[in-house]
């Protein structure tokens, strides 16, 4: 079942929230344990018990060190890095969902910007199985086209502009996303270090508010704030993109109404 524009945006925001929860899960567990031990510690104090062998003072100190000490925090970088990989994967798949549902709306309303000469391969068997409803199959054919991609912002903008007439500006949020996509590639394919490909990808990505300076060869060690910043930018981008798409669809509906129900060319 194809999602609506609003459902696609809501589904992505839920995925961003899930990544943030995953990133903070260990801290929540540690804080839960600390809170329990602090209650025990207060009880012992209230009872006048001073024996350090039975009071949880040392355990509290150890847990707080795990929570707060910078040397321990750095060991979480692998988990944080993988949270960024997951976040970017969610972003790319959600963009495809949003494009799919938007393209179906555009095909039905006649607002699709496809070139009249565009050739789309279709499998007759699948078309027949769908009751000859071509919209889903046209979407599949376009998405599977080698020129359609959501793995980089340049190709994403080109796809939404080419087929839906939706042009997005490049701002700080887009530049933050470009950084996230570049880091994701370096983590998965570049050994987790800043390489030439990453530096070239983000060289023009200014202004931005995340990782404004990177050095060739340095190991990528993300912290939660990096991931939250990129996630906020992704959600903001989704919101702006969906609003622009809805305006395009509303204008298309108005044009059809003004022409007595006939689609405008």
C-alpha atoms as a PDB file:
ATOM      1  CA  UNK A   1       0.000   0.000   0.000  1.00  0.00           C
ATOM      2  CA  UNK A   2       1.424   3.364  -1.027  1.00  0.00           C
ATOM      3  CA  UNK A   3       1.852   5.918   1.762  1.00  0.00           C
ATOM      4  CA  UNK A   4       0.507   9.459   1.559  1.00  0.00           C
ATOM      5  CA  UNK A   5       2.868  12.438   1.713  1.00  0.00           C
ATOM      6  CA  UNK A   6       2.022  13.077   5.382  1.00  0.00           C
ATOM      7  CA  UNK A   7       2.440   9.396   6.255  1.00  0.00           C
ATOM      8  CA  UNK A   8       5.864   9.319   4.589  1.00  0.00           C
ATOM      9  CA  UNK A   9       7.013  12.339   6.605  1.00  0.00           C
ATOM     10  CA  UNK A  10       5.602  10.925   9.846  1.00  0.00           C
ATOM     11  CA  UNK A  11       7.234   7.542   9.211  1.00  0.00           C
ATOM     12  CA  UNK A  12      10.625   9.177   8.696  1.00  0.00           C
ATOM     13  CA  UNK A  13      10.343  11.299  11.842  1.00  0.00           C
ATOM     14  CA  UNK A  14       9.534   8.115  13.781  1.00  0.00           C
ATOM     15  CA  UNK A  15      12.700   6.510  12.405  1.00  0.00           C
ATOM     16  CA  UNK A  16      14.789   9.532  13.457  1.00  0.00           C
ATOM     17  CA  UNK A  17      13.310   9.251  16.954  1.00  0.00           C
ATOM     18  CA  UNK A  18      14.155   5.531  17.044  1.00  0.00           C
ATOM     19  CA  UNK A  19      17.794   6.241  16.138  1.00  0.00           C
ATOM     20  CA  UNK A  20      17.998   8.831  18.917  1.00  0.00           C
ATOM     21  CA  UNK A  21      16.508   6.349  21.393  1.00  0.00           C
ATOM     22  CA  UNK A  22      19.020   3.705  20.310  1.00  0.00           C
ATOM     23  CA  UNK A  23      21.842   6.190  20.740  1.00  0.00           C
ATOM     24  CA  UNK A  24      20.716   7.075  24.281  1.00  0.00           C
ATOM     25  CA  UNK A  25      19.664   3.573  25.370  1.00  0.00           C
ATOM     26  CA  UNK A  26      22.833   2.794  27.342  1.00  0.00           C
ATOM     27  CA  UNK A  27      22.694   6.113  29.178  1.00  0.00           C
ATOM     28  CA  UNK A  28      19.097   5.489  30.163  1.00  0.00           C
ATOM     29  CA  UNK A  29      20.049   2.087  31.617  1.00  0.00           C
ATOM     30  CA  UNK A  30      23.026   3.549  33.488  1.00  0.00           C
ATOM     31  CA  UNK A  31      20.911   6.389  34.870  1.00  0.00           C
ATOM     32  CA  UNK A  32      18.254   3.897  35.990  1.00  0.00           C
ATOM     33  CA  UNK A  33      20.892   1.926  37.902  1.00  0.00           C
ATOM     34  CA  UNK A  34      22.353   5.110  39.415  1.00  0.00           C
ATOM     35  CA  UNK A  35      18.941   6.297  40.572  1.00  0.00           C
ATOM     36  CA  UNK A  36      18.276   2.932  42.257  1.00  0.00           C
ATOM     37  CA  UNK A  37      21.639   2.925  44.029  1.00  0.00           C
ATOM     38  CA  UNK A  38      21.198   6.547  45.115  1.00  0.00           C
ATOM     39  CA  UNK A  39      17.930   5.600  46.807  1.00  0.00           C
ATOM     40  CA  UNK A  40      19.733   2.752  48.577  1.00  0.00           C
ATOM     41  CA  UNK A  41      22.537   5.101  49.611  1.00  0.00           C
ATOM     42  CA  UNK A  42      20.054   7.571  51.118  1.00  0.00           C
ATOM     43  CA  UNK A  43      18.390   4.745  53.020  1.00  0.00           C
ATOM     44  CA  UNK A  44      21.702   3.610  54.520  1.00  0.00           C
ATOM     45  CA  UNK A  45      22.533   7.190  55.536  1.00  0.00           C
ATOM     46  CA  UNK A  46      19.101   7.601  57.112  1.00  0.00           C
ATOM     47  CA  UNK A  47      19.651   4.390  59.086  1.00  0.00           C
ATOM     48  CA  UNK A  48      23.031   5.621  60.290  1.00  0.00           C
ATOM     49  CA  UNK A  49      24.909   2.803  58.559  1.00  0.00           C
ATOM     50  CA  UNK A  50      28.465   3.912  57.726  1.00  0.00           C
ATOM     51  CA  UNK A  51      30.033   0.584  56.751  1.00  0.00           C
ATOM     52  CA  UNK A  52      31.350   1.136  53.190  1.00  0.00           C
ATOM     53  CA  UNK A  53      31.318  -2.625  52.561  1.00  0.00           C
ATOM     54  CA  UNK A  54      27.530  -2.696  52.589  1.00  0.00           C
ATOM     55  CA  UNK A  55      26.779   0.780  51.230  1.00  0.00           C
ATOM     56  CA  UNK A  56      26.770   1.143  47.395  1.00  0.00           C
ATOM     57  CA  UNK A  57      29.088   4.162  47.439  1.00  0.00           C
ATOM     58  CA  UNK A  58      31.811   2.579  45.296  1.00  0.00           C
ATOM     59  CA  UNK A  59      29.325   1.185  42.800  1.00  0.00           C
ATOM     60  CA  UNK A  60      27.732   4.613  42.437  1.00  0.00           C
ATOM     61  CA  UNK A  61      31.098   6.214  41.845  1.00  0.00           C
ATOM     62  CA  UNK A  62      31.966   3.617  39.189  1.00  0.00           C
ATOM     63  CA  UNK A  63      28.680   4.025  37.315  1.00  0.00           C
ATOM     64  CA  UNK A  64      28.941   7.810  37.332  1.00  0.00           C
ATOM     65  CA  UNK A  65      32.470   7.511  35.953  1.00  0.00           C
ATOM     66  CA  UNK A  66      31.173   5.361  33.093  1.00  0.00           C
ATOM     67  CA  UNK A  67      28.470   7.930  32.418  1.00  0.00           C
ATOM     68  CA  UNK A  68      30.640  11.053  32.609  1.00  0.00           C
ATOM     69  CA  UNK A  69      34.285  10.208  31.922  1.00  0.00           C
ATOM     70  CA  UNK A  70      35.544  11.314  28.511  1.00  0.00           C
ATOM     71  CA  UNK A  71      37.859   8.328  28.080  1.00  0.00           C
ATOM     72  CA  UNK A  72      34.874   5.973  28.387  1.00  0.00           C
ATOM     73  CA  UNK A  73      32.673   8.157  26.189  1.00  0.00           C
ATOM     74  CA  UNK A  74      35.126   7.776  23.297  1.00  0.00           C
ATOM     75  CA  UNK A  75      34.593   4.014  23.367  1.00  0.00           C
ATOM     76  CA  UNK A  76      31.005   4.634  22.341  1.00  0.00           C
ATOM     77  CA  UNK A  77      32.110   6.177  19.043  1.00  0.00           C
ATOM     78  CA  UNK A  78      31.632   2.922  17.108  1.00  0.00           C
ATOM     79  CA  UNK A  79      28.009   2.721  18.235  1.00  0.00           C
ATOM     80  CA  UNK A  80      27.457   6.397  17.446  1.00  0.00           C
ATOM     81  CA  UNK A  81      29.034   5.940  14.011  1.00  0.00           C
ATOM     82  CA  UNK A  82      26.656   3.076  13.258  1.00  0.00           C
ATOM     83  CA  UNK A  83      23.709   5.179  14.402  1.00  0.00           C
ATOM     84  CA  UNK A  84      24.677   7.682  11.693  1.00  0.00           C
ATOM     85  CA  UNK A  85      24.868   4.882   9.100  1.00  0.00           C
ATOM     86  CA  UNK A  86      21.365   3.772  10.130  1.00  0.00           C
ATOM     87  CA  UNK A  87      20.035   7.343  10.064  1.00  0.00           C
ATOM     88  CA  UNK A  88      21.299   7.994   6.526  1.00  0.00           C
ATOM     89  CA  UNK A  89      19.853   4.669   5.339  1.00  0.00           C
ATOM     90  CA  UNK A  90      16.464   5.634   6.798  1.00  0.00           C
ATOM     91  CA  UNK A  91      16.698   9.017   5.078  1.00  0.00           C
ATOM     92  CA  UNK A  92      17.404   7.554   1.655  1.00  0.00           C
ATOM     93  CA  UNK A  93      14.675   4.891   1.855  1.00  0.00           C
ATOM     94  CA  UNK A  94      12.161   7.443   3.179  1.00  0.00           C
ATOM     95  CA  UNK A  95      12.986   9.814   0.313  1.00  0.00           C
ATOM     96  CA  UNK A  96      12.163   7.000  -2.086  1.00  0.00           C
ATOM     97  CA  UNK A  97       8.830   6.405  -0.291  1.00  0.00           C
ATOM     98  CA  UNK A  98       8.009  10.118  -0.476  1.00  0.00           C
ATOM     99  CA  UNK A  99       8.936  10.267  -4.148  1.00  0.00           C
ATOM    100  CA  UNK A 100       6.845   7.187  -4.920  1.00  0.00           C
ATOM    101  CA  UNK A 101       3.653   8.450  -3.288  1.00  0.00           C
ATOM    102  CA  UNK A 102       4.175  11.939  -4.760  1.00  0.00           C
ATOM    103  CA  UNK A 103       4.718  10.573  -8.261  1.00  0.00           C
ATOM    104  CA  UNK A 104       1.521   8.522  -8.064  1.00  0.00           C
ATOM    105  CA  UNK A 105      -0.398  11.648  -7.026  1.00  0.00           C
ATOM    106  CA  UNK A 106       1.198  13.559  -9.908  1.00  0.00           C
ATOM    107  CA  UNK A 107       0.365  10.828 -12.420  1.00  0.00           C
ATOM    108  CA  UNK A 108      -3.262  10.747 -11.313  1.00  0.00           C
ATOM    109  CA  UNK A 109      -3.601  14.537 -11.352  1.00  0.00           C
ATOM    110  CA  UNK A 110      -1.711  15.045 -14.597  1.00  0.00           C
ATOM    111  CA  UNK A 111       0.964  17.191 -12.941  1.00  0.00           C
ATOM    112  CA  UNK A 112       3.841  14.776 -13.587  1.00  0.00           C
ATOM    113  CA  UNK A 113       6.705  16.480 -15.414  1.00  0.00           C
ATOM    114  CA  UNK A 114       7.835  13.375 -17.321  1.00  0.00           C
ATOM    115  CA  UNK A 115       9.070  14.053 -20.818  1.00  0.00           C
ATOM    116  CA  UNK A 116       6.493  12.794 -23.335  1.00  0.00           C
ATOM    117  CA  UNK A 117       9.286  10.921 -25.105  1.00  0.00           C
ATOM    118  CA  UNK A 118      10.415   9.106 -21.966  1.00  0.00           C
ATOM    119  CA  UNK A 119      10.410   5.343 -22.509  1.00  0.00           C
ATOM    120  CA  UNK A 120       9.550   3.149 -19.511  1.00  0.00           C
ATOM    121  CA  UNK A 121       9.949  -0.660 -19.613  1.00  0.00           C
ATOM    122  CA  UNK A 122       6.973  -2.549 -18.171  1.00  0.00           C
ATOM    123  CA  UNK A 123       6.388  -6.267 -17.602  1.00  0.00           C
ATOM    124  CA  UNK A 124       3.009  -7.193 -19.089  1.00  0.00           C
ATOM    125  CA  UNK A 125       2.437  -9.962 -16.525  1.00  0.00           C
ATOM    126  CA  UNK A 126       2.822  -7.574 -13.586  1.00  0.00           C
ATOM    127  CA  UNK A 127       0.657  -4.974 -15.277  1.00  0.00           C
ATOM    128  CA  UNK A 128      -2.084  -7.545 -15.812  1.00  0.00           C
ATOM    129  CA  UNK A 129      -1.836  -8.757 -12.206  1.00  0.00           C
ATOM    130  CA  UNK A 130      -2.432  -5.202 -11.003  1.00  0.00           C
ATOM    131  CA  UNK A 131      -5.643  -4.889 -12.983  1.00  0.00           C
ATOM    132  CA  UNK A 132      -3.852  -2.703 -15.517  1.00  0.00           C
ATOM    133  CA  UNK A 133      -3.276   0.063 -12.962  1.00  0.00           C
ATOM    134  CA  UNK A 134      -0.050   1.450 -14.392  1.00  0.00           C
ATOM    135  CA  UNK A 135       0.838   3.989 -11.709  1.00  0.00           C
ATOM    136  CA  UNK A 136       2.758   1.617  -9.418  1.00  0.00           C
ATOM    137  CA  UNK A 137       4.623   0.093 -12.350  1.00  0.00           C
ATOM    138  CA  UNK A 138       5.544   3.470 -13.786  1.00  0.00           C
ATOM    139  CA  UNK A 139       6.904   4.438 -10.362  1.00  0.00           C
ATOM    140  CA  UNK A 140       8.956   1.239 -10.162  1.00  0.00           C
ATOM    141  CA  UNK A 141      10.357   1.783 -13.642  1.00  0.00           C
ATOM    142  CA  UNK A 142      11.350   5.377 -12.884  1.00  0.00           C
ATOM    143  CA  UNK A 143      12.855   4.547  -9.474  1.00  0.00           C
ATOM    144  CA  UNK A 144      14.836   1.659 -10.958  1.00  0.00           C
ATOM    145  CA  UNK A 145      16.199   3.950 -13.657  1.00  0.00           C
ATOM    146  CA  UNK A 146      19.962   4.359 -13.275  1.00  0.00           C
ATOM    147  CA  UNK A 147      19.574   8.161 -13.252  1.00  0.00           C
ATOM    148  CA  UNK A 148      17.155   8.093 -10.298  1.00  0.00           C
ATOM    149  CA  UNK A 149      18.985   8.083  -6.975  1.00  0.00           C
ATOM    150  CA  UNK A 150      18.460   9.297  -3.422  1.00  0.00           C
ATOM    151  CA  UNK A 151      21.980   8.558  -2.172  1.00  0.00           C
ATOM    152  CA  UNK A 152      23.217  12.120  -2.728  1.00  0.00           C
ATOM    153  CA  UNK A 153      21.468  15.462  -2.444  1.00  0.00           C
ATOM    154  CA  UNK A 154      22.354  16.550  -5.974  1.00  0.00           C
ATOM    155  CA  UNK A 155      20.680  13.509  -7.530  1.00  0.00           C
ATOM    156  CA  UNK A 156      17.762  13.781  -5.083  1.00  0.00           C
ATOM    157  CA  UNK A 157      17.121  17.389  -6.128  1.00  0.00           C
ATOM    158  CA  UNK A 158      17.410  16.427  -9.792  1.00  0.00           C
ATOM    159  CA  UNK A 159      14.891  13.580  -9.387  1.00  0.00           C
ATOM    160  CA  UNK A 160      12.238  15.667  -7.617  1.00  0.00           C
ATOM    161  CA  UNK A 161      12.720  18.539 -10.076  1.00  0.00           C
ATOM    162  CA  UNK A 162      12.648  16.368 -13.201  1.00  0.00           C
ATOM    163  CA  UNK A 163       9.523  14.370 -12.405  1.00  0.00           C
ATOM    164  CA  UNK A 164       7.594  16.601 -10.002  1.00  0.00           C
ATOM    165  CA  UNK A 165       8.786  20.132 -10.728  1.00  0.00           C
ATOM    166  CA  UNK A 166       9.783  20.551  -7.086  1.00  0.00           C
ATOM    167  CA  UNK A 167      12.966  22.611  -6.754  1.00  0.00           C
ATOM    168  CA  UNK A 168      14.682  22.670  -3.366  1.00  0.00           C
ATOM    169  CA  UNK A 169      17.205  25.287  -2.272  1.00  0.00           C
ATOM    170  CA  UNK A 170      20.599  24.301  -0.876  1.00  0.00           C
ATOM    171  CA  UNK A 171      20.823  25.647   2.672  1.00  0.00           C
ATOM    172  CA  UNK A 172      22.532  24.740   5.948  1.00  0.00           C
ATOM    173  CA  UNK A 173      20.183  21.777   6.497  1.00  0.00           C
ATOM    174  CA  UNK A 174      21.004  20.345   3.057  1.00  0.00           C
ATOM    175  CA  UNK A 175      24.721  20.875   3.692  1.00  0.00           C
ATOM    176  CA  UNK A 176      24.470  19.049   7.034  1.00  0.00           C
ATOM    177  CA  UNK A 177      22.811  16.152   5.210  1.00  0.00           C
ATOM    178  CA  UNK A 178      25.573  16.138   2.599  1.00  0.00           C
ATOM    179  CA  UNK A 179      28.094  15.793   5.431  1.00  0.00           C
ATOM    180  CA  UNK A 180      26.084  12.927   6.917  1.00  0.00           C
ATOM    181  CA  UNK A 181      25.915  11.103   3.583  1.00  0.00           C
ATOM    182  CA  UNK A 182      29.637  11.589   3.020  1.00  0.00           C
ATOM    183  CA  UNK A 183      30.522  10.292   6.476  1.00  0.00           C
ATOM    184  CA  UNK A 184      28.228   7.310   6.008  1.00  0.00           C
ATOM    185  CA  UNK A 185      30.131   6.343   2.844  1.00  0.00           C
ATOM    186  CA  UNK A 186      33.490   6.792   4.593  1.00  0.00           C
ATOM    187  CA  UNK A 187      32.362   4.617   7.511  1.00  0.00           C
ATOM    188  CA  UNK A 188      31.055   1.829   5.289  1.00  0.00           C
ATOM    189  CA  UNK A 189      33.557   1.949   2.428  1.00  0.00           C
ATOM    190  CA  UNK A 190      36.501   4.068   3.597  1.00  0.00           C
ATOM    191  CA  UNK A 191      37.677   2.291   6.724  1.00  0.00           C
ATOM    192  CA  UNK A 192      36.111   4.851   9.046  1.00  0.00           C
ATOM    193  CA  UNK A 193      38.622   7.570   8.199  1.00  0.00           C
ATOM    194  CA  UNK A 194      38.327  10.928   6.476  1.00  0.00           C
ATOM    195  CA  UNK A 195      39.434  10.341   2.873  1.00  0.00           C
ATOM    196  CA  UNK A 196      39.762  12.442  -0.272  1.00  0.00           C
ATOM    197  CA  UNK A 197      36.298  11.449  -1.453  1.00  0.00           C
ATOM    198  CA  UNK A 198      34.692  12.722   1.751  1.00  0.00           C
ATOM    199  CA  UNK A 199      36.638  15.984   1.703  1.00  0.00           C
ATOM    200  CA  UNK A 200      35.715  16.598  -1.938  1.00  0.00           C
ATOM    201  CA  UNK A 201      32.055  15.829  -1.219  1.00  0.00           C
ATOM    202  CA  UNK A 202      31.786  18.342   1.641  1.00  0.00           C
ATOM    203  CA  UNK A 203      34.170  21.002   0.335  1.00  0.00           C
ATOM    204  CA  UNK A 204      31.370  23.235  -0.942  1.00  0.00           C
ATOM    205  CA  UNK A 205      28.854  22.232   1.740  1.00  0.00           C
ATOM    206  CA  UNK A 206      28.795  25.601   3.496  1.00  0.00           C
ATOM    207  CA  UNK A 207      27.219  27.067   5.514  1.00  0.00           C
ATOM    208  CA  UNK A 208      26.675  24.111   7.838  1.00  0.00           C
ATOM    209  CA  UNK A 209      26.468  23.504  11.575  1.00  0.00           C
ATOM    210  CA  UNK A 210      28.095  20.078  11.905  1.00  0.00           C
ATOM    211  CA  UNK A 211      31.744  18.974  11.505  1.00  0.00           C
ATOM    212  CA  UNK A 212      32.803  22.217   9.849  1.00  0.00           C
ATOM    213  CA  UNK A 213      36.436  21.083   9.866  1.00  0.00           C
ATOM    214  CA  UNK A 214      37.824  17.654   8.965  1.00  0.00           C
ATOM    215  CA  UNK A 215      41.398  16.487   8.393  1.00  0.00           C
ATOM    216  CA  UNK A 216      42.528  13.934   5.836  1.00  0.00           C
ATOM    217  CA  UNK A 217      43.291  10.596   7.476  1.00  0.00           C
ATOM    218  CA  UNK A 218      41.687  11.309  10.854  1.00  0.00           C
ATOM    219  CA  UNK A 219      39.470   8.623  12.341  1.00  0.00           C
ATOM    220  CA  UNK A 220      35.782   9.454  12.370  1.00  0.00           C
ATOM    221  CA  UNK A 221      34.482   9.517  15.950  1.00  0.00           C
ATOM    222  CA  UNK A 222      30.964  10.897  16.095  1.00  0.00           C
ATOM    223  CA  UNK A 223      29.235  12.090  19.250  1.00  0.00           C
ATOM    224  CA  UNK A 224      25.460  12.183  19.838  1.00  0.00           C
ATOM    225  CA  UNK A 225      25.282  15.920  19.092  1.00  0.00           C
ATOM    226  CA  UNK A 226      26.555  15.326  15.541  1.00  0.00           C
ATOM    227  CA  UNK A 227      23.849  12.751  14.874  1.00  0.00           C
ATOM    228  CA  UNK A 228      21.094  14.843  16.442  1.00  0.00           C
ATOM    229  CA  UNK A 229      22.087  17.861  14.340  1.00  0.00           C
ATOM    230  CA  UNK A 230      22.037  15.848  11.119  1.00  0.00           C
ATOM    231  CA  UNK A 231      18.739  14.204  12.116  1.00  0.00           C
ATOM    232  CA  UNK A 232      17.128  17.588  12.803  1.00  0.00           C
ATOM    233  CA  UNK A 233      18.308  18.819   9.395  1.00  0.00           C
ATOM    234  CA  UNK A 234      16.865  15.730   7.697  1.00  0.00           C
ATOM    235  CA  UNK A 235      13.493  16.239   9.403  1.00  0.00           C
ATOM    236  CA  UNK A 236      13.492  19.926   8.442  1.00  0.00           C
ATOM    237  CA  UNK A 237      14.303  19.013   4.836  1.00  0.00           C
ATOM    238  CA  UNK A 238      11.483  16.453   4.758  1.00  0.00           C
ATOM    239  CA  UNK A 239       9.044  19.006   6.135  1.00  0.00           C
ATOM    240  CA  UNK A 240       9.984  21.665   3.577  1.00  0.00           C
ATOM    241  CA  UNK A 241       9.966  19.198   0.683  1.00  0.00           C
ATOM    242  CA  UNK A 242       6.558  17.775   1.619  1.00  0.00           C
ATOM    243  CA  UNK A 243       5.041  21.257   1.952  1.00  0.00           C
ATOM    244  CA  UNK A 244       6.322  22.253  -1.491  1.00  0.00           C
ATOM    245  CA  UNK A 245       4.937  19.054  -2.991  1.00  0.00           C
ATOM    246  CA  UNK A 246       1.524  19.692  -1.433  1.00  0.00           C
ATOM    247  CA  UNK A 247       1.495  23.216  -2.886  1.00  0.00           C
ATOM    248  CA  UNK A 248       2.289  21.786  -6.334  1.00  0.00           C
ATOM    249  CA  UNK A 249      -0.544  19.248  -6.031  1.00  0.00           C
ATOM    250  CA  UNK A 250      -2.997  21.901  -4.816  1.00  0.00           C
ATOM    251  CA  UNK A 251      -2.102  24.200  -7.709  1.00  0.00           C
ATOM    252  CA  UNK A 252      -2.517  21.305 -10.136  1.00  0.00           C
ATOM    253  CA  UNK A 253      -5.974  20.534  -8.715  1.00  0.00           C
ATOM    254  CA  UNK A 254      -6.952  24.190  -9.069  1.00  0.00           C
ATOM    255  CA  UNK A 255      -5.806  24.181 -12.709  1.00  0.00           C
ATOM    256  CA  UNK A 256      -7.891  21.092 -13.435  1.00  0.00           C
ATOM    257  CA  UNK A 257     -10.944  22.659 -11.799  1.00  0.00           C
ATOM    258  CA  UNK A 258     -10.537  25.885 -13.756  1.00  0.00           C
ATOM    259  CA  UNK A 259     -10.399  23.881 -17.004  1.00  0.00           C
ATOM    260  CA  UNK A 260     -13.658  22.066 -16.338  1.00  0.00           C
ATOM    261  CA  UNK A 261     -12.037  18.919 -15.018  1.00  0.00           C
ATOM    262  CA  UNK A 262      -9.547  18.609 -17.901  1.00  0.00           C
ATOM    263  CA  UNK A 263      -5.874  18.188 -17.051  1.00  0.00           C
ATOM    264  CA  UNK A 264      -3.584  21.017 -18.131  1.00  0.00           C
ATOM    265  CA  UNK A 265      -0.773  20.193 -20.464  1.00  0.00           C
END
